Each structure stands twice: as C-alpha cells, then as structure tokens.
C-alpha atoms as a PDB file:
ATOM      1  CA  UNK A   1      -7.974 -12.281   4.159  1.00  0.00           C
ATOM      2  CA  UNK A   2     -10.492 -11.152   6.761  1.00  0.00           C
ATOM      3  CA  UNK A   3      -9.928  -8.567   9.499  1.00  0.00           C
ATOM      4  CA  UNK A   4      -9.238 -11.247  12.143  1.00  0.00           C
ATOM      5  CA  UNK A   5      -6.410 -12.649  10.030  1.00  0.00           C
ATOM      6  CA  UNK A   6      -5.074  -9.151   9.383  1.00  0.00           C
ATOM      7  CA  UNK A   7      -5.128  -8.348  13.109  1.00  0.00           C
ATOM      8  CA  UNK A   8      -3.265 -11.552  13.993  1.00  0.00           C
ATOM      9  CA  UNK A   9      -0.263 -10.240  12.049  1.00  0.00           C
ATOM     10  CA  UNK A  10       0.003  -6.986  14.017  1.00  0.00           C
ATOM     11  CA  UNK A  11       2.505  -7.061  16.857  1.00  0.00           C
ATOM     12  CA  UNK A  12       2.076  -4.954  20.008  1.00  0.00           C
ATOM     13  CA  UNK A  13       5.412  -3.490  21.124  1.00  0.00           C
ATOM     14  CA  UNK A  14       5.267  -1.993  24.638  1.00  0.00           C
ATOM     15  CA  UNK A  15       7.296   1.099  25.547  1.00  0.00           C
ATOM     16  CA  UNK A  16       8.201   1.994  21.954  1.00  0.00           C
ATOM     17  CA  UNK A  17       9.278   4.555  20.832  1.00  0.00           C
ATOM     18  CA  UNK A  18       9.167   5.846  24.411  1.00  0.00           C
ATOM     19  CA  UNK A  19       8.171   4.466  27.803  1.00  0.00           C
ATOM     20  CA  UNK A  20       4.386   4.199  28.175  1.00  0.00           C
ATOM     21  CA  UNK A  21       3.534   3.955  24.474  1.00  0.00           C
ATOM     22  CA  UNK A  22       2.103   0.732  23.030  1.00  0.00           C
ATOM     23  CA  UNK A  23       3.284   0.647  19.407  1.00  0.00           C
ATOM     24  CA  UNK A  24       1.299  -1.385  16.856  1.00  0.00           C
ATOM     25  CA  UNK A  25       3.838  -2.857  14.405  1.00  0.00           C
ATOM     26  CA  UNK A  26       2.194  -3.514  11.031  1.00  0.00           C
ATOM     27  CA  UNK A  27       5.426  -4.581   9.307  1.00  0.00           C
ATOM     28  CA  UNK A  28       4.786  -8.350   9.777  1.00  0.00           C
ATOM     29  CA  UNK A  29       1.442  -7.833   8.038  1.00  0.00           C
ATOM     30  CA  UNK A  30       3.014  -5.857   5.185  1.00  0.00           C
ATOM     31  CA  UNK A  31       5.948  -8.257   4.877  1.00  0.00           C
ATOM     32  CA  UNK A  32       3.803 -11.366   4.485  1.00  0.00           C
ATOM     33  CA  UNK A  33       0.490 -10.073   3.136  1.00  0.00           C
ATOM     34  CA  UNK A  34       0.940  -6.772   1.300  1.00  0.00           C
ATOM     35  CA  UNK A  35      -1.370  -7.752  -1.578  1.00  0.00           C
ATOM     36  CA  UNK A  36      -4.149  -8.797   0.821  1.00  0.00           C
ATOM     37  CA  UNK A  37      -3.639  -5.634   2.857  1.00  0.00           C
ATOM     38  CA  UNK A  38      -3.929  -3.438  -0.236  1.00  0.00           C
ATOM     39  CA  UNK A  39      -7.078  -5.302  -1.299  1.00  0.00           C
ATOM     40  CA  UNK A  40      -8.612  -4.727   2.136  1.00  0.00           C
ATOM     41  CA  UNK A  41      -7.783  -1.018   1.938  1.00  0.00           C
ATOM     42  CA  UNK A  42      -9.018  -0.788  -1.631  1.00  0.00           C
ATOM     43  CA  UNK A  43     -12.369  -2.143  -0.483  1.00  0.00           C
ATOM     44  CA  UNK A  44     -12.838   0.875   1.797  1.00  0.00           C
ATOM     45  CA  UNK A  45     -13.293   3.211  -1.163  1.00  0.00           C
ATOM     46  CA  UNK A  46     -16.081   2.831  -3.732  1.00  0.00           C
ATOM     47  CA  UNK A  47     -14.645   2.049  -7.185  1.00  0.00           C
ATOM     48  CA  UNK A  48     -16.252   5.168  -8.689  1.00  0.00           C
ATOM     49  CA  UNK A  49     -14.556   7.397  -6.100  1.00  0.00           C
ATOM     50  CA  UNK A  50     -11.193   6.880  -7.810  1.00  0.00           C
ATOM     51  CA  UNK A  51     -12.345   9.137 -10.664  1.00  0.00           C
ATOM     52  CA  UNK A  52     -12.224  12.068  -8.206  1.00  0.00           C
ATOM     53  CA  UNK A  53      -8.630  11.373  -7.119  1.00  0.00           C
ATOM     54  CA  UNK A  54      -5.500  12.547  -8.928  1.00  0.00           C
ATOM     55  CA  UNK A  55      -2.853  11.541  -6.366  1.00  0.00           C
ATOM     56  CA  UNK A  56      -2.437   9.212  -3.436  1.00  0.00           C
ATOM     57  CA  UNK A  57      -0.405  10.795  -0.641  1.00  0.00           C
ATOM     58  CA  UNK A  58       1.358   8.593   1.890  1.00  0.00           C
ATOM     59  CA  UNK A  59       2.558   9.681   5.315  1.00  0.00           C
ATOM     60  CA  UNK A  60       6.120   8.664   6.190  1.00  0.00           C
ATOM     61  CA  UNK A  61       7.003   5.921   6.393  1.00  0.00           C
ATOM     62  CA  UNK A  62       4.617   2.960   6.362  1.00  0.00           C
ATOM     63  CA  UNK A  63       1.967   5.139   4.728  1.00  0.00           C
ATOM     64  CA  UNK A  64       4.340   5.339   1.726  1.00  0.00           C
ATOM     65  CA  UNK A  65       4.038   1.604   1.144  1.00  0.00           C
ATOM     66  CA  UNK A  66       0.252   1.585   1.279  1.00  0.00           C
ATOM     67  CA  UNK A  67      -0.233   4.764  -0.749  1.00  0.00           C
ATOM     68  CA  UNK A  68       2.251   3.782  -3.440  1.00  0.00           C
ATOM     69  CA  UNK A  69       0.577   0.385  -3.859  1.00  0.00           C
ATOM     70  CA  UNK A  70      -2.858   1.973  -4.232  1.00  0.00           C
ATOM     71  CA  UNK A  71      -1.504   4.625  -6.618  1.00  0.00           C
ATOM     72  CA  UNK A  72       0.036   1.957  -8.866  1.00  0.00           C
ATOM     73  CA  UNK A  73      -3.116  -0.172  -8.803  1.00  0.00           C
ATOM     74  CA  UNK A  74      -5.314   2.766  -9.851  1.00  0.00           C
ATOM     75  CA  UNK A  75      -2.921   4.586 -12.187  1.00  0.00           C
ATOM     76  CA  UNK A  76      -2.604   7.631  -9.936  1.00  0.00           C
ATOM     77  CA  UNK A  77       0.407   9.712  -8.945  1.00  0.00           C
ATOM     78  CA  UNK A  78       2.105   9.298  -5.578  1.00  0.00           C
ATOM     79  CA  UNK A  79       2.886  12.252  -3.285  1.00  0.00           C
ATOM     80  CA  UNK A  80       5.075  11.752  -0.193  1.00  0.00           C
ATOM     81  CA  UNK A  81       4.345  13.486   3.108  1.00  0.00           C
ATOM     82  CA  UNK A  82       7.747  13.439   4.803  1.00  0.00           C
ATOM     83  CA  UNK A  83       9.372  14.226   8.101  1.00  0.00           C
ATOM     84  CA  UNK A  84      11.108  17.587   8.256  1.00  0.00           C
ATOM     85  CA  UNK A  85      14.307  17.989   6.246  1.00  0.00           C
ATOM     86  CA  UNK A  86      13.791  15.043   3.871  1.00  0.00           C
ATOM     87  CA  UNK A  87      12.521  16.889   0.772  1.00  0.00           C
ATOM     88  CA  UNK A  88      14.286  19.497  -1.367  1.00  0.00           C
ATOM     89  CA  UNK A  89      12.763  22.988  -1.348  1.00  0.00           C
ATOM     90  CA  UNK A  90      10.378  24.537  -1.892  1.00  0.00           C
ATOM     91  CA  UNK A  91       8.269  22.782   0.733  1.00  0.00           C
ATOM     92  CA  UNK A  92       5.408  23.611   3.066  1.00  0.00           C
ATOM     93  CA  UNK A  93       5.630  22.371   6.651  1.00  0.00           C
ATOM     94  CA  UNK A  94       3.162  21.698   9.432  1.00  0.00           C
ATOM     95  CA  UNK A  95       3.933  21.005  13.114  1.00  0.00           C
ATOM     96  CA  UNK A  96       1.578  18.907  15.201  1.00  0.00           C
ATOM     97  CA  UNK A  97       1.264  17.152  18.568  1.00  0.00           C
ATOM     98  CA  UNK A  98       2.053  13.469  19.046  1.00  0.00           C
ATOM     99  CA  UNK A  99       1.123  11.392  22.070  1.00  0.00           C
ATOM    100  CA  UNK A 100       4.822  11.482  23.053  1.00  0.00           C
ATOM    101  CA  UNK A 101       5.982  14.879  21.756  1.00  0.00           C
ATOM    102  CA  UNK A 102       5.688  16.938  18.590  1.00  0.00           C
ATOM    103  CA  UNK A 103       6.431  16.367  14.935  1.00  0.00           C
ATOM    104  CA  UNK A 104       6.781  18.342  11.740  1.00  0.00           C
ATOM    105  CA  UNK A 105       5.744  17.108   8.321  1.00  0.00           C
ATOM    106  CA  UNK A 106       6.659  18.588   4.946  1.00  0.00           C
ATOM    107  CA  UNK A 107       5.534  18.235   1.367  1.00  0.00           C
ATOM    108  CA  UNK A 108       6.222  19.917  -1.914  1.00  0.00           C
ATOM    109  CA  UNK A 109       3.749  22.336  -3.450  1.00  0.00           C
ATOM    110  CA  UNK A 110       1.239  20.998  -5.950  1.00  0.00           C
ATOM    111  CA  UNK A 111      -2.318  20.954  -7.172  1.00  0.00           C
ATOM    112  CA  UNK A 112      -4.922  18.263  -7.538  1.00  0.00           C
ATOM    113  CA  UNK A 113      -7.236  16.007  -5.593  1.00  0.00           C
ATOM    114  CA  UNK A 114      -5.625  13.742  -3.003  1.00  0.00           C
ATOM    115  CA  UNK A 115      -6.443  10.560  -1.139  1.00  0.00           C
ATOM    116  CA  UNK A 116      -4.368  10.719   2.078  1.00  0.00           C
ATOM    117  CA  UNK A 117      -3.203   7.344   3.439  1.00  0.00           C
ATOM    118  CA  UNK A 118      -1.473   6.294   6.674  1.00  0.00           C
ATOM    119  CA  UNK A 119      -0.925   3.042   8.519  1.00  0.00           C
ATOM    120  CA  UNK A 120      -2.326   3.585  12.035  1.00  0.00           C
ATOM    121  CA  UNK A 121      -4.721   6.127  13.507  1.00  0.00           C
ATOM    122  CA  UNK A 122      -3.913   6.547  17.193  1.00  0.00           C
ATOM    123  CA  UNK A 123      -4.563  10.058  18.514  1.00  0.00           C
ATOM    124  CA  UNK A 124      -5.261  11.622  15.124  1.00  0.00           C
ATOM    125  CA  UNK A 125      -2.473  14.208  15.379  1.00  0.00           C
ATOM    126  CA  UNK A 126      -0.440  12.992  12.422  1.00  0.00           C
ATOM    127  CA  UNK A 127      -3.415  12.441  10.128  1.00  0.00           C
ATOM    128  CA  UNK A 128      -4.976  15.801  10.992  1.00  0.00           C
ATOM    129  CA  UNK A 129      -1.634  17.559  10.528  1.00  0.00           C
ATOM    130  CA  UNK A 130      -1.038  15.837   7.187  1.00  0.00           C
ATOM    131  CA  UNK A 131      -4.516  16.794   5.938  1.00  0.00           C
ATOM    132  CA  UNK A 132      -3.886  20.428   6.896  1.00  0.00           C
ATOM    133  CA  UNK A 133      -0.478  20.257   5.227  1.00  0.00           C
ATOM    134  CA  UNK A 134      -1.960  18.907   1.984  1.00  0.00           C
ATOM    135  CA  UNK A 135      -4.393  21.823   1.886  1.00  0.00           C
ATOM    136  CA  UNK A 136      -1.646  24.346   2.644  1.00  0.00           C
ATOM    137  CA  UNK A 137       0.508  22.858  -0.150  1.00  0.00           C
ATOM    138  CA  UNK A 138      -2.280  23.426  -2.686  1.00  0.00           C
ATOM    139  CA  UNK A 139      -4.034  20.065  -2.802  1.00  0.00           C
ATOM    140  CA  UNK A 140      -7.695  19.286  -2.212  1.00  0.00           C
ATOM    141  CA  UNK A 141      -8.059  16.416   0.262  1.00  0.00           C
ATOM    142  CA  UNK A 142     -10.840  14.245  -1.156  1.00  0.00           C
ATOM    143  CA  UNK A 143     -10.594  11.358   1.282  1.00  0.00           C
ATOM    144  CA  UNK A 144      -8.633   9.933   4.211  1.00  0.00           C
ATOM    145  CA  UNK A 145      -7.756   6.274   4.693  1.00  0.00           C
ATOM    146  CA  UNK A 146      -5.824   4.361   7.348  1.00  0.00           C
ATOM    147  CA  UNK A 147      -5.035   0.686   7.637  1.00  0.00           C
ATOM    148  CA  UNK A 148      -5.858   0.476  11.346  1.00  0.00           C
ATOM    149  CA  UNK A 149      -7.960   2.645  13.614  1.00  0.00           C
ATOM    150  CA  UNK A 150      -6.959   1.532  17.107  1.00  0.00           C
ATOM    151  CA  UNK A 151      -9.830   3.472  18.622  1.00  0.00           C
ATOM    152  CA  UNK A 152      -8.005   5.837  20.974  1.00  0.00           C
ATOM    153  CA  UNK A 153      -8.527   9.136  19.159  1.00  0.00           C
ATOM    154  CA  UNK A 154     -10.987  10.966  21.435  1.00  0.00           C
ATOM    155  CA  UNK A 155     -12.741  13.695  19.536  1.00  0.00           C
ATOM    156  CA  UNK A 156     -10.877  12.957  16.304  1.00  0.00           C
ATOM    157  CA  UNK A 157     -12.838  14.215  13.335  1.00  0.00           C
ATOM    158  CA  UNK A 158     -12.571  12.422  10.030  1.00  0.00           C
ATOM    159  CA  UNK A 159     -13.488  15.837   8.622  1.00  0.00           C
ATOM    160  CA  UNK A 160     -16.701  16.518   6.778  1.00  0.00           C
ATOM    161  CA  UNK A 161     -15.196  15.306   3.511  1.00  0.00           C
ATOM    162  CA  UNK A 162     -15.429  11.600   4.166  1.00  0.00           C
ATOM    163  CA  UNK A 163     -17.035   8.745   6.004  1.00  0.00           C
ATOM    164  CA  UNK A 164     -14.681   6.803   8.228  1.00  0.00           C
ATOM    165  CA  UNK A 165     -12.352   4.662   6.119  1.00  0.00           C
ATOM    166  CA  UNK A 166     -10.301   2.314   8.253  1.00  0.00           C
ATOM    167  CA  UNK A 167     -10.052  -1.251   9.359  1.00  0.00           C
ATOM    168  CA  UNK A 168     -10.755  -1.338  13.079  1.00  0.00           C
ATOM    169  CA  UNK A 169      -8.392  -2.918  15.581  1.00  0.00           C
ATOM    170  CA  UNK A 170      -9.255  -4.368  18.940  1.00  0.00           C
ATOM    171  CA  UNK A 171      -6.534  -6.425  20.629  1.00  0.00           C
END
C-alpha cells in the first residue's frame, strides 16, 4: 500500500475534540489495513537499527496499537505511555501543552533503549513530552516514529537522536 492509499483512509473530523481543531482519525486505516500500516512504519527504520532497541513504547491510545505490532514483529518488549492515573505506582509523570489545553503522561520506571511510537504528529507537544518522560523514567530514547506528520509543528525538533521518521500527510 502506497502513501496515497494510506492517506485515503484517514478521515478529517472538524471541531473534535474541541471547536476549532481538525482531528485526523486514523482508525479506518488501522481497522482495514493494520498489516499494511505496520509494514509502512517498519520501512521507516533500517533493519539493522532494531539491534539497538530493547523496547517499543506506544503513546496512548492509538500509539499502543502501532507500537505493540512493531514490538511483536521484532521480538521486542512493549512499554505503554499512558494518560495520568492509568498505571499502578510507582510512575513518573510529565505535563505538556496541547493545541487545545494541557495533558499529563505517565509511565513506569525502567531501563533500556526505546523506540517511541505515536499515531499523529501535530504540534509536537505529546511526542516531545513522551520523549522527556521516557528519559526521566530511566530509558534511553533511541528513535522516534509517527504514522503521520501532518506538517503543522512549527519549530518541532525530532531531537538530535534521529532523522525524521514519519509518513507525511497533505490533505
């Protein structure tokens, strides 16, 4: 499946979750083409790079699906990055800005090298916060990956640790 086919399965939902936000719903894509989606994501990372990754971390909630699929495919562990109050203690938390408010993510303490995965990069707040959280929880972030970069993250830095790893989206 090429990027045009992938993009055709993404639904724009105006005014969700709040007025003025254009939400990109990737669930139709995941529902009908999860295997193709995982293959497209897998192609963003060189096969040899997997040797430097111990865990695949997924950001709640659609990032869970993508990260878990990649972890299974490559025989790696899965680490959830959850919204506040969803994990038993001890946890580390990190608060960050969203385009429509603020959020707090949590994860349990650990050690190892992580590939951090999410579904959509919009402003970069969630991905940046999750990367900081992984470091604070004891992990080394080796790479970042998102399914869709919708191109509205002014000044977002993919950090010095990685080249940009995302499928681009232009409606």
